[in-house]
Amino acid sequence: MSKMFLDANEIMEILGVSRSYAYGLIRKLNGELKKKGYHVIQGKVDRKFFYEQFYVTKNLEGIEA
C-alpha cells in the first residue's frame, strides 16, 4: 500500500518543479481541503486529492480518479 500523503520532494519529482513551488502548491491544496472541513498536515498533501487536481483522467499509482 502506498503512503497516504505526498511531501514536497515527491511533488518536485512528479511535476518537475522547484521546492518553493512544491511547498506553495501544498499550501494551496491544503487550504482547499481546510475550506471543505478536512484536517491537514502542514508540509504534506493527501495523495488522492493531489492526483484528482492534476491527473483527473489518469489512474496513477493505483489511485482511482
Protein backbone atom coordinates (compact mmCIF):
# COMPACT_ATOMS: atom_id res chain seq x y z
CA MET A 1 0.00 0.00 0.00
CA SER A 2 1.34 3.43 -0.89
CA LYS A 3 1.62 6.31 1.56
CA MET A 4 -1.46 8.44 2.12
CA PHE A 5 0.38 11.78 1.81
CA LEU A 6 2.86 13.36 -0.57
CA ASP A 7 5.61 15.70 0.60
CA ALA A 8 7.40 18.47 -1.28
CA ASN A 9 10.19 16.18 -2.52
CA GLU A 10 7.70 13.81 -4.10
CA ILE A 11 5.77 16.67 -5.72
CA MET A 12 9.05 18.10 -7.04
CA GLU A 13 9.79 14.76 -8.70
CA ILE A 14 6.27 14.20 -10.07
CA LEU A 15 5.81 17.69 -11.53
CA GLY A 16 9.42 18.66 -12.13
CA VAL A 17 9.08 21.89 -10.15
CA SER A 18 11.20 23.72 -7.58
CA ARG A 19 10.99 23.10 -3.84
CA SER A 20 9.41 26.51 -3.20
CA TYR A 21 6.76 25.90 -5.87
CA ALA A 22 6.01 22.46 -4.40
CA TYR A 23 5.52 23.94 -0.92
CA GLY A 24 3.31 26.70 -2.33
CA LEU A 25 1.21 24.09 -4.07
CA ILE A 26 0.89 22.08 -0.85
CA ARG A 27 -0.30 25.21 0.98
CA LYS A 28 -2.85 25.94 -1.75
CA LEU A 29 -4.23 22.40 -1.88
CA ASN A 30 -4.34 22.13 1.92
CA GLY A 31 -6.20 25.46 2.02
CA GLU A 32 -8.84 23.99 -0.27
CA LEU A 33 -9.14 20.93 1.94
CA LYS A 34 -9.46 23.09 5.08
CA LYS A 35 -12.32 25.02 3.48
CA LYS A 36 -14.06 21.68 2.96
CA GLY A 37 -13.66 20.92 6.66
CA TYR A 38 -10.80 18.41 6.48
CA HIS A 39 -7.82 18.28 8.82
CA VAL A 40 -4.49 18.71 7.06
CA ILE A 41 -0.84 18.07 7.84
CA GLN A 42 1.45 21.01 7.20
CA GLY A 43 4.06 20.22 4.55
CA LYS A 44 2.13 17.24 3.15
CA VAL A 45 -0.93 16.84 0.96
CA ASP A 46 -3.37 13.99 0.52
CA ARG A 47 -2.15 11.82 -2.37
CA LYS A 48 -5.59 11.13 -3.85
CA PHE A 49 -6.62 14.80 -3.72
CA PHE A 50 -3.35 15.81 -5.41
CA TYR A 51 -3.86 13.37 -8.28
CA GLU A 52 -7.51 14.39 -8.66
CA GLN A 53 -6.39 18.00 -9.11
CA PHE A 54 -3.67 17.24 -11.66
CA TYR A 55 -4.45 13.94 -13.34
CA VAL A 56 -8.21 13.54 -13.33
CA THR A 57 -8.32 11.20 -16.31
CA LYS A 58 -5.35 9.02 -15.35
CA ASN A 59 -5.04 6.17 -12.90
CA LEU A 60 -1.59 6.64 -11.38
CA GLU A 61 -0.06 4.61 -8.56
CA GLY A 62 -3.31 2.76 -8.00
CA ILE A 63 -5.28 5.92 -7.23
CA GLU A 64 -8.74 5.79 -8.76
CA ALA A 65 -9.66 9.04 -10.46
